[in-house]
Amino acid sequence: MKVQHWMVAGLVALTAVACTDDVSAPLVPGEEDMSRAPASLRPASSPTIVDVAVADGRFTTLVAAVQAAGLVETLSAVGQRTVFAPTDAAFAALPEGAIEGLLADPELLTEVLLYHVASGRRYAEDVVSSDRIRMLNGGFTMIRLEDGRAYINDSEIVITDVEASNGVIHVIDAVLLP
């Protein structure tokens, strides 16, 4: 499933709107005053995790799933996260119909996607110094080193420490299932 970059950019822009607690402060049409918004509602500086995933081009299925689950704002917001990002090839390796099934069940899709995200910025050395990591869905993933390679559950971590303004991305070769 191919996602148009302009669609994701538009969604990211739409999710960046925040409310102020002073309704008397008028805004110029088309201008957003984010100075009084709580830090948790202000967008992170670019490029965010979503921006990096879109620009890379190997994560179109992941980006489409994030959109379908309504998690664009979560992965674009201020705050630090670590994302274990499966590539399009990782999604393609799922059994036939699995992607469609996930997209048809937003609750399950959200559960699966949040099983790929941990709070905090965890670089490769932090990841491999752990034996397990609590993910945002509440579940744990298992970390292991085997023959000089790092794994999260049964997925190999193939690229590490991809920087984003609101976290770090590690590319994995299989979709993590809770």
N, C-alpha and C. Protein backbone atom coordinates (compact mmCIF):
# COMPACT_ATOMS: atom_id res chain seq x y z
N MET A 1 0.86 -1.15 0.00
CA MET A 1 0.00 0.00 0.00
C MET A 1 0.91 1.22 0.00
N LYS A 2 0.79 2.06 -0.99
CA LYS A 2 1.65 3.24 -1.11
C LYS A 2 0.92 4.45 -0.56
N VAL A 3 1.60 5.24 0.25
CA VAL A 3 1.03 6.43 0.85
C VAL A 3 1.69 7.64 0.22
N GLN A 4 0.91 8.60 -0.19
CA GLN A 4 1.45 9.83 -0.76
C GLN A 4 2.06 10.67 0.34
N HIS A 5 3.30 11.14 0.11
CA HIS A 5 3.99 11.95 1.12
C HIS A 5 3.23 13.22 1.45
N TRP A 6 2.56 13.82 0.46
CA TRP A 6 1.83 15.06 0.73
C TRP A 6 0.65 14.82 1.65
N MET A 7 0.07 13.60 1.60
CA MET A 7 -1.04 13.28 2.50
C MET A 7 -0.55 13.21 3.94
N VAL A 8 0.60 12.56 4.15
CA VAL A 8 1.14 12.43 5.49
C VAL A 8 1.56 13.80 6.01
N ALA A 9 2.20 14.61 5.14
CA ALA A 9 2.60 15.95 5.56
C ALA A 9 1.38 16.76 5.98
N GLY A 10 0.29 16.61 5.24
CA GLY A 10 -0.95 17.31 5.60
C GLY A 10 -1.49 16.84 6.93
N LEU A 11 -1.46 15.52 7.16
CA LEU A 11 -1.93 15.00 8.44
C LEU A 11 -1.06 15.48 9.59
N VAL A 12 0.25 15.50 9.36
CA VAL A 12 1.14 15.98 10.41
C VAL A 12 0.84 17.44 10.71
N ALA A 13 0.63 18.24 9.66
CA ALA A 13 0.32 19.66 9.86
C ALA A 13 -0.99 19.83 10.61
N LEU A 14 -1.99 19.01 10.27
CA LEU A 14 -3.28 19.11 10.95
C LEU A 14 -3.19 18.73 12.41
N THR A 15 -2.36 17.74 12.72
CA THR A 15 -2.26 17.30 14.10
C THR A 15 -1.43 18.25 14.95
N ALA A 16 -0.76 19.19 14.33
CA ALA A 16 0.08 20.12 15.07
C ALA A 16 -0.72 21.25 15.71
N VAL A 17 -2.01 21.37 15.37
CA VAL A 17 -2.83 22.45 15.92
C VAL A 17 -3.10 22.18 17.40
N ALA A 18 -2.94 23.19 18.22
CA ALA A 18 -3.21 23.03 19.65
C ALA A 18 -4.03 24.22 20.13
N CYS A 19 -4.71 24.03 21.28
CA CYS A 19 -5.55 25.08 21.84
C CYS A 19 -4.78 25.85 22.89
N THR A 20 -5.11 27.12 23.05
CA THR A 20 -4.54 27.89 24.14
C THR A 20 -5.58 27.95 25.24
N ASP A 21 -5.13 28.27 26.45
CA ASP A 21 -6.09 28.39 27.54
C ASP A 21 -6.65 29.81 27.63
N ASP A 22 -6.21 30.71 26.79
CA ASP A 22 -6.71 32.09 26.76
C ASP A 22 -7.49 32.28 25.46
N VAL A 23 -8.81 32.10 25.54
CA VAL A 23 -9.62 32.18 24.33
C VAL A 23 -9.76 33.60 23.82
N SER A 24 -9.35 34.60 24.61
CA SER A 24 -9.46 35.98 24.16
C SER A 24 -8.33 36.38 23.22
N ALA A 25 -7.28 35.58 23.13
CA ALA A 25 -6.15 35.91 22.27
C ALA A 25 -6.48 35.52 20.84
N PRO A 26 -6.79 36.50 19.99
CA PRO A 26 -7.16 36.17 18.61
C PRO A 26 -5.95 35.70 17.82
N LEU A 27 -6.19 34.82 16.89
CA LEU A 27 -5.15 34.34 16.00
C LEU A 27 -5.39 34.91 14.62
N VAL A 28 -4.33 35.25 13.95
CA VAL A 28 -4.43 35.66 12.56
C VAL A 28 -4.82 34.42 11.77
N PRO A 29 -5.81 34.52 10.86
CA PRO A 29 -6.20 33.33 10.10
C PRO A 29 -4.97 32.68 9.47
N GLY A 30 -4.88 31.36 9.65
CA GLY A 30 -3.77 30.61 9.10
C GLY A 30 -2.53 30.61 9.98
N GLU A 31 -2.54 31.33 11.09
CA GLU A 31 -1.40 31.41 11.98
C GLU A 31 -1.76 30.73 13.29
N GLU A 32 -0.85 29.92 13.81
CA GLU A 32 -1.10 29.21 15.05
C GLU A 32 -0.20 29.75 16.14
N ASP A 33 -0.76 30.11 17.29
CA ASP A 33 0.01 30.58 18.43
C ASP A 33 0.22 29.39 19.36
N MET A 34 1.39 28.80 19.30
CA MET A 34 1.68 27.62 20.10
C MET A 34 2.39 27.98 21.40
N SER A 35 2.68 29.26 21.62
CA SER A 35 3.49 29.66 22.77
C SER A 35 2.82 29.37 24.11
N ARG A 36 1.49 29.37 24.15
CA ARG A 36 0.80 29.13 25.42
C ARG A 36 0.27 27.71 25.54
N ALA A 37 0.43 26.90 24.53
CA ALA A 37 -0.05 25.53 24.61
C ALA A 37 0.84 24.73 25.56
N PRO A 38 0.26 23.78 26.27
CA PRO A 38 1.10 22.92 27.12
C PRO A 38 2.15 22.22 26.28
N ALA A 39 3.30 21.98 26.86
CA ALA A 39 4.40 21.36 26.11
C ALA A 39 3.99 20.05 25.48
N SER A 40 3.11 19.29 26.15
CA SER A 40 2.70 17.99 25.62
C SER A 40 1.88 18.12 24.34
N LEU A 41 1.31 19.31 24.08
CA LEU A 41 0.50 19.51 22.88
C LEU A 41 1.25 20.21 21.75
N ARG A 42 2.41 20.79 22.06
CA ARG A 42 3.16 21.47 21.01
C ARG A 42 3.89 20.45 20.16
N PRO A 43 3.91 20.67 18.84
CA PRO A 43 4.61 19.72 17.97
C PRO A 43 6.11 19.80 18.20
N ALA A 44 6.77 18.68 17.99
CA ALA A 44 8.23 18.64 18.09
C ALA A 44 8.83 19.33 16.87
N SER A 45 10.05 19.79 17.00
CA SER A 45 10.75 20.36 15.85
C SER A 45 10.96 19.27 14.82
N SER A 46 10.99 19.65 13.58
CA SER A 46 11.20 18.66 12.52
C SER A 46 12.65 18.27 12.46
N PRO A 47 12.98 17.13 11.93
CA PRO A 47 12.07 16.07 11.52
C PRO A 47 11.69 15.15 12.67
N THR A 48 10.41 14.87 12.78
CA THR A 48 9.92 13.96 13.80
C THR A 48 10.09 12.52 13.33
N ILE A 49 9.72 11.60 14.17
CA ILE A 49 9.76 10.19 13.81
C ILE A 49 8.95 9.95 12.54
N VAL A 50 7.75 10.54 12.47
CA VAL A 50 6.91 10.37 11.28
C VAL A 50 7.59 10.98 10.05
N ASP A 51 8.16 12.18 10.19
CA ASP A 51 8.84 12.82 9.07
C ASP A 51 9.98 11.94 8.53
N VAL A 52 10.76 11.38 9.43
CA VAL A 52 11.88 10.53 9.05
C VAL A 52 11.37 9.29 8.32
N ALA A 53 10.32 8.66 8.85
CA ALA A 53 9.76 7.46 8.22
C ALA A 53 9.23 7.75 6.83
N VAL A 54 8.55 8.87 6.67
CA VAL A 54 8.00 9.25 5.36
C VAL A 54 9.13 9.52 4.37
N ALA A 55 10.12 10.29 4.80
CA ALA A 55 11.22 10.67 3.91
C ALA A 55 12.06 9.47 3.49
N ASP A 56 12.17 8.46 4.34
CA ASP A 56 13.02 7.31 4.04
C ASP A 56 12.50 6.51 2.85
N GLY A 57 11.20 6.29 2.78
CA GLY A 57 10.63 5.55 1.66
C GLY A 57 10.52 4.05 1.85
N ARG A 58 11.14 3.49 2.88
CA ARG A 58 11.06 2.03 3.12
C ARG A 58 9.96 1.67 4.10
N PHE A 59 9.18 2.66 4.53
CA PHE A 59 8.19 2.44 5.59
C PHE A 59 6.79 2.85 5.18
N THR A 60 6.44 2.72 3.91
CA THR A 60 5.11 3.18 3.46
C THR A 60 3.99 2.40 4.14
N THR A 61 4.17 1.12 4.35
CA THR A 61 3.13 0.32 5.01
C THR A 61 3.01 0.73 6.47
N LEU A 62 4.14 0.94 7.13
CA LEU A 62 4.12 1.38 8.53
C LEU A 62 3.44 2.74 8.64
N VAL A 63 3.78 3.66 7.76
CA VAL A 63 3.17 5.00 7.80
C VAL A 63 1.66 4.90 7.57
N ALA A 64 1.23 4.08 6.62
CA ALA A 64 -0.20 3.91 6.36
C ALA A 64 -0.90 3.32 7.59
N ALA A 65 -0.24 2.38 8.25
CA ALA A 65 -0.82 1.77 9.46
C ALA A 65 -0.91 2.80 10.59
N VAL A 66 0.12 3.61 10.74
CA VAL A 66 0.12 4.66 11.77
C VAL A 66 -1.03 5.63 11.51
N GLN A 67 -1.24 5.98 10.26
CA GLN A 67 -2.36 6.86 9.90
C GLN A 67 -3.70 6.19 10.23
N ALA A 68 -3.86 4.95 9.82
CA ALA A 68 -5.12 4.23 10.03
C ALA A 68 -5.44 4.09 11.51
N ALA A 69 -4.41 3.97 12.35
CA ALA A 69 -4.62 3.82 13.79
C ALA A 69 -4.76 5.17 14.49
N GLY A 70 -4.56 6.26 13.77
CA GLY A 70 -4.65 7.58 14.38
C GLY A 70 -3.48 7.90 15.29
N LEU A 71 -2.30 7.37 14.98
CA LEU A 71 -1.13 7.56 15.83
C LEU A 71 -0.13 8.57 15.28
N VAL A 72 -0.48 9.28 14.21
CA VAL A 72 0.45 10.27 13.63
C VAL A 72 0.81 11.32 14.69
N GLU A 73 -0.18 11.82 15.40
CA GLU A 73 0.09 12.85 16.41
C GLU A 73 0.97 12.30 17.53
N THR A 74 0.70 11.09 17.96
CA THR A 74 1.50 10.47 19.02
C THR A 74 2.96 10.38 18.64
N LEU A 75 3.23 10.01 17.40
CA LEU A 75 4.62 9.84 16.96
C LEU A 75 5.23 11.12 16.43
N SER A 76 4.47 12.21 16.41
CA SER A 76 4.99 13.50 15.98
C SER A 76 5.11 14.49 17.14
N ALA A 77 4.52 14.16 18.26
CA ALA A 77 4.44 15.09 19.39
C ALA A 77 5.77 15.21 20.13
N VAL A 78 5.84 16.25 20.94
CA VAL A 78 6.99 16.46 21.81
C VAL A 78 7.06 15.29 22.79
N GLY A 79 8.25 14.90 23.14
CA GLY A 79 8.47 13.77 24.03
C GLY A 79 9.39 12.80 23.33
N GLN A 80 10.08 12.01 24.07
CA GLN A 80 11.07 11.11 23.47
C GLN A 80 10.53 9.68 23.41
N ARG A 81 10.70 9.06 22.25
CA ARG A 81 10.26 7.70 22.01
C ARG A 81 11.34 6.94 21.25
N THR A 82 11.29 5.64 21.38
CA THR A 82 12.13 4.76 20.57
C THR A 82 11.19 3.90 19.76
N VAL A 83 11.38 3.91 18.45
CA VAL A 83 10.52 3.13 17.55
C VAL A 83 11.35 2.04 16.89
N PHE A 84 10.86 0.83 16.97
CA PHE A 84 11.45 -0.29 16.24
C PHE A 84 10.59 -0.43 14.99
N ALA A 85 11.10 0.07 13.87
CA ALA A 85 10.32 0.26 12.66
C ALA A 85 10.50 -0.87 11.66
N PRO A 86 9.45 -1.66 11.43
CA PRO A 86 9.53 -2.70 10.40
C PRO A 86 9.43 -2.07 9.01
N THR A 87 10.23 -2.57 8.10
CA THR A 87 10.22 -2.08 6.72
C THR A 87 9.02 -2.64 5.97
N ASP A 88 8.82 -2.13 4.76
CA ASP A 88 7.76 -2.67 3.90
C ASP A 88 7.97 -4.17 3.67
N ALA A 89 9.23 -4.59 3.51
CA ALA A 89 9.53 -6.01 3.31
C ALA A 89 9.11 -6.83 4.54
N ALA A 90 9.26 -6.27 5.74
CA ALA A 90 8.84 -6.97 6.95
C ALA A 90 7.33 -7.17 6.97
N PHE A 91 6.59 -6.14 6.57
CA PHE A 91 5.13 -6.28 6.49
C PHE A 91 4.74 -7.27 5.41
N ALA A 92 5.45 -7.27 4.28
CA ALA A 92 5.14 -8.18 3.18
C ALA A 92 5.36 -9.64 3.59
N ALA A 93 6.21 -9.88 4.57
CA ALA A 93 6.48 -11.24 5.02
C ALA A 93 5.39 -11.80 5.94
N LEU A 94 4.45 -10.96 6.36
CA LEU A 94 3.34 -11.45 7.17
C LEU A 94 2.47 -12.38 6.33
N PRO A 95 1.74 -13.27 6.97
CA PRO A 95 0.85 -14.17 6.21
C PRO A 95 -0.15 -13.37 5.37
N GLU A 96 -0.58 -13.98 4.28
CA GLU A 96 -1.54 -13.32 3.38
C GLU A 96 -2.78 -12.89 4.15
N GLY A 97 -3.19 -11.67 3.93
CA GLY A 97 -4.38 -11.12 4.57
C GLY A 97 -4.14 -10.48 5.93
N ALA A 98 -2.94 -10.65 6.48
CA ALA A 98 -2.68 -10.13 7.83
C ALA A 98 -2.74 -8.60 7.87
N ILE A 99 -2.15 -7.95 6.89
CA ILE A 99 -2.15 -6.48 6.87
C ILE A 99 -3.58 -5.97 6.74
N GLU A 100 -4.33 -6.55 5.85
CA GLU A 100 -5.72 -6.13 5.66
C GLU A 100 -6.52 -6.36 6.94
N GLY A 101 -6.27 -7.48 7.61
CA GLY A 101 -6.96 -7.78 8.86
C GLY A 101 -6.63 -6.76 9.94
N LEU A 102 -5.37 -6.36 10.02
CA LEU A 102 -4.98 -5.34 11.00
C LEU A 102 -5.63 -4.01 10.69
N LEU A 103 -5.63 -3.63 9.41
CA LEU A 103 -6.21 -2.35 9.02
C LEU A 103 -7.73 -2.33 9.26
N ALA A 104 -8.36 -3.49 9.24
CA ALA A 104 -9.80 -3.57 9.47
C ALA A 104 -10.16 -3.57 10.96
N ASP A 105 -9.17 -3.72 11.82
CA ASP A 105 -9.40 -3.77 13.27
C ASP A 105 -8.53 -2.71 13.94
N PRO A 106 -9.02 -1.47 14.03
CA PRO A 106 -8.21 -0.37 14.57
C PRO A 106 -7.66 -0.63 15.98
N GLU A 107 -8.42 -1.31 16.82
CA GLU A 107 -7.95 -1.59 18.18
C GLU A 107 -6.74 -2.52 18.16
N LEU A 108 -6.83 -3.61 17.39
CA LEU A 108 -5.72 -4.54 17.27
C LEU A 108 -4.53 -3.86 16.58
N LEU A 109 -4.79 -3.07 15.55
CA LEU A 109 -3.73 -2.35 14.84
C LEU A 109 -2.98 -1.44 15.80
N THR A 110 -3.70 -0.70 16.63
CA THR A 110 -3.07 0.19 17.61
C THR A 110 -2.22 -0.61 18.59
N GLU A 111 -2.75 -1.73 19.06
CA GLU A 111 -2.01 -2.60 19.98
C GLU A 111 -0.69 -3.07 19.35
N VAL A 112 -0.75 -3.51 18.10
CA VAL A 112 0.45 -3.99 17.41
C VAL A 112 1.44 -2.85 17.20
N LEU A 113 0.96 -1.70 16.75
CA LEU A 113 1.87 -0.58 16.49
C LEU A 113 2.53 -0.08 17.77
N LEU A 114 1.77 0.01 18.86
CA LEU A 114 2.36 0.47 20.12
C LEU A 114 3.33 -0.55 20.71
N TYR A 115 3.27 -1.79 20.23
CA TYR A 115 4.24 -2.81 20.63
C TYR A 115 5.59 -2.58 19.94
N HIS A 116 5.65 -1.61 19.05
CA HIS A 116 6.89 -1.23 18.37
C HIS A 116 7.50 0.05 18.94
N VAL A 117 6.89 0.62 19.98
CA VAL A 117 7.31 1.92 20.51
C VAL A 117 7.55 1.82 22.01
N ALA A 118 8.70 2.35 22.43
CA ALA A 118 9.03 2.44 23.86
C ALA A 118 9.20 3.90 24.23
N SER A 119 8.93 4.21 25.48
CA SER A 119 9.14 5.59 25.92
C SER A 119 10.63 5.84 26.09
N GLY A 120 11.02 7.08 25.92
CA GLY A 120 12.42 7.46 26.07
C GLY A 120 13.23 7.25 24.81
N ARG A 121 14.36 7.90 24.75
CA ARG A 121 15.30 7.79 23.62
C ARG A 121 16.32 6.72 23.99
N ARG A 122 16.23 5.57 23.33
CA ARG A 122 17.11 4.44 23.63
C ARG A 122 17.99 4.15 22.42
N TYR A 123 19.25 4.49 22.57
CA TYR A 123 20.20 4.20 21.50
C TYR A 123 20.56 2.71 21.54
N ALA A 124 21.24 2.24 20.51
CA ALA A 124 21.57 0.82 20.37
C ALA A 124 22.24 0.27 21.63
N GLU A 125 23.19 1.01 22.18
CA GLU A 125 23.89 0.52 23.37
C GLU A 125 22.94 0.36 24.55
N ASP A 126 21.92 1.23 24.64
CA ASP A 126 20.93 1.11 25.71
C ASP A 126 20.04 -0.11 25.48
N VAL A 127 19.67 -0.33 24.21
CA VAL A 127 18.80 -1.46 23.87
C VAL A 127 19.49 -2.77 24.21
N VAL A 128 20.73 -2.96 23.76
CA VAL A 128 21.39 -4.24 23.96
C VAL A 128 21.88 -4.45 25.39
N SER A 129 21.88 -3.38 26.19
CA SER A 129 22.25 -3.56 27.60
C SER A 129 21.05 -4.03 28.43
N SER A 130 19.89 -4.12 27.79
CA SER A 130 18.68 -4.62 28.45
C SER A 130 18.40 -6.03 27.98
N ASP A 131 17.64 -6.77 28.78
CA ASP A 131 17.19 -8.07 28.28
C ASP A 131 15.73 -8.02 27.88
N ARG A 132 15.04 -6.94 28.27
CA ARG A 132 13.66 -6.75 27.85
C ARG A 132 13.33 -5.25 27.93
N ILE A 133 12.34 -4.85 27.13
CA ILE A 133 11.92 -3.46 27.09
C ILE A 133 10.40 -3.41 27.17
N ARG A 134 9.88 -2.54 28.04
CA ARG A 134 8.43 -2.34 28.12
C ARG A 134 8.03 -1.42 26.98
N MET A 135 7.03 -1.82 26.22
CA MET A 135 6.56 -1.06 25.08
C MET A 135 5.32 -0.26 25.48
N LEU A 136 4.92 0.68 24.64
CA LEU A 136 3.79 1.56 24.98
C LEU A 136 2.46 0.83 25.09
N ASN A 137 2.35 -0.37 24.56
CA ASN A 137 1.11 -1.12 24.72
C ASN A 137 1.07 -1.85 26.07
N GLY A 138 2.15 -1.73 26.86
CA GLY A 138 2.23 -2.37 28.16
C GLY A 138 2.96 -3.70 28.15
N GLY A 139 3.15 -4.27 26.97
CA GLY A 139 3.84 -5.55 26.87
C GLY A 139 5.36 -5.38 26.89
N PHE A 140 6.04 -6.49 27.00
CA PHE A 140 7.50 -6.49 27.00
C PHE A 140 8.02 -7.18 25.75
N THR A 141 9.14 -6.68 25.25
CA THR A 141 9.86 -7.36 24.18
C THR A 141 11.14 -7.91 24.80
N MET A 142 11.65 -8.95 24.20
CA MET A 142 12.87 -9.57 24.68
C MET A 142 14.02 -9.15 23.77
N ILE A 143 15.15 -8.80 24.36
CA ILE A 143 16.33 -8.37 23.63
C ILE A 143 17.41 -9.43 23.79
N ARG A 144 18.09 -9.76 22.69
CA ARG A 144 19.19 -10.71 22.79
C ARG A 144 20.24 -10.42 21.73
N LEU A 145 21.45 -10.83 22.02
CA LEU A 145 22.55 -10.77 21.06
C LEU A 145 22.87 -12.19 20.65
N GLU A 146 23.03 -12.40 19.35
CA GLU A 146 23.33 -13.73 18.84
C GLU A 146 24.26 -13.57 17.64
N ASP A 147 25.44 -14.17 17.72
CA ASP A 147 26.43 -14.09 16.64
C ASP A 147 26.72 -12.64 16.25
N GLY A 148 26.80 -11.77 17.24
CA GLY A 148 27.13 -10.37 16.99
C GLY A 148 25.98 -9.54 16.45
N ARG A 149 24.79 -10.10 16.39
CA ARG A 149 23.61 -9.38 15.90
C ARG A 149 22.62 -9.19 17.04
N ALA A 150 21.92 -8.05 16.98
CA ALA A 150 20.93 -7.74 18.02
C ALA A 150 19.54 -8.09 17.52
N TYR A 151 18.74 -8.65 18.42
CA TYR A 151 17.37 -9.04 18.10
C TYR A 151 16.42 -8.47 19.14
N ILE A 152 15.24 -8.09 18.66
CA ILE A 152 14.13 -7.75 19.53
C ILE A 152 13.07 -8.79 19.22
N ASN A 153 12.74 -9.60 20.21
CA ASN A 153 11.95 -10.82 19.98
C ASN A 153 12.66 -11.62 18.89
N ASP A 154 12.00 -11.97 17.80
CA ASP A 154 12.65 -12.74 16.73
C ASP A 154 13.04 -11.87 15.55
N SER A 155 12.95 -10.56 15.71
CA SER A 155 13.27 -9.63 14.63
C SER A 155 14.67 -9.08 14.80
N GLU A 156 15.47 -9.14 13.73
CA GLU A 156 16.81 -8.58 13.80
C GLU A 156 16.75 -7.06 13.67
N ILE A 157 17.53 -6.40 14.48
CA ILE A 157 17.66 -4.94 14.39
C ILE A 157 18.76 -4.69 13.36
N VAL A 158 18.35 -4.23 12.17
CA VAL A 158 19.28 -4.16 11.04
C VAL A 158 19.93 -2.79 10.86
N ILE A 159 19.30 -1.74 11.34
CA ILE A 159 19.87 -0.38 11.31
C ILE A 159 19.54 0.24 12.65
N THR A 160 20.52 0.91 13.26
CA THR A 160 20.30 1.49 14.58
C THR A 160 20.51 3.00 14.58
N ASP A 161 19.94 3.62 15.59
CA ASP A 161 20.20 5.01 15.94
C ASP A 161 19.90 6.02 14.84
N VAL A 162 18.76 5.87 14.19
CA VAL A 162 18.30 6.86 13.22
C VAL A 162 17.65 7.99 14.02
N GLU A 163 18.24 9.16 13.96
CA GLU A 163 17.82 10.29 14.79
C GLU A 163 16.54 10.95 14.29
N ALA A 164 15.70 11.35 15.20
CA ALA A 164 14.54 12.19 14.94
C ALA A 164 14.49 13.20 16.09
N SER A 165 13.79 14.30 15.88
CA SER A 165 13.76 15.32 16.92
C SER A 165 13.07 14.84 18.19
N ASN A 166 12.17 13.89 18.06
CA ASN A 166 11.43 13.41 19.22
C ASN A 166 11.72 11.94 19.55
N GLY A 167 12.88 11.48 19.14
CA GLY A 167 13.25 10.11 19.50
C GLY A 167 14.27 9.51 18.57
N VAL A 168 14.33 8.21 18.59
CA VAL A 168 15.28 7.46 17.78
C VAL A 168 14.56 6.26 17.17
N ILE A 169 14.99 5.89 15.98
CA ILE A 169 14.39 4.77 15.25
C ILE A 169 15.44 3.69 15.06
N HIS A 170 15.02 2.44 15.26
CA HIS A 170 15.84 1.29 14.93
C HIS A 170 15.03 0.50 13.90
N VAL A 171 15.65 0.17 12.79
CA VAL A 171 14.97 -0.55 11.72
C VAL A 171 15.06 -2.04 12.00
N ILE A 172 13.90 -2.72 11.86
CA ILE A 172 13.85 -4.17 12.12
C ILE A 172 13.34 -4.90 10.89
N ASP A 173 13.65 -6.20 10.83
CA ASP A 173 13.33 -6.96 9.63
C ASP A 173 12.06 -7.80 9.73
N ALA A 174 11.31 -7.67 10.81
CA ALA A 174 10.05 -8.40 10.96
C ALA A 174 9.10 -7.59 11.85
N VAL A 175 7.84 -7.77 11.64
CA VAL A 175 6.83 -7.09 12.45
C VAL A 175 6.75 -7.78 13.80
N LEU A 176 6.73 -6.99 14.85
CA LEU A 176 6.62 -7.52 16.22
C LEU A 176 5.13 -7.74 16.52
N LEU A 177 4.82 -8.90 17.02
CA LEU A 177 3.44 -9.21 17.39
C LEU A 177 3.34 -9.46 18.88
N PRO A 178 2.45 -8.73 19.56
CA PRO A 178 2.35 -8.88 21.02
C PRO A 178 1.82 -10.25 21.42
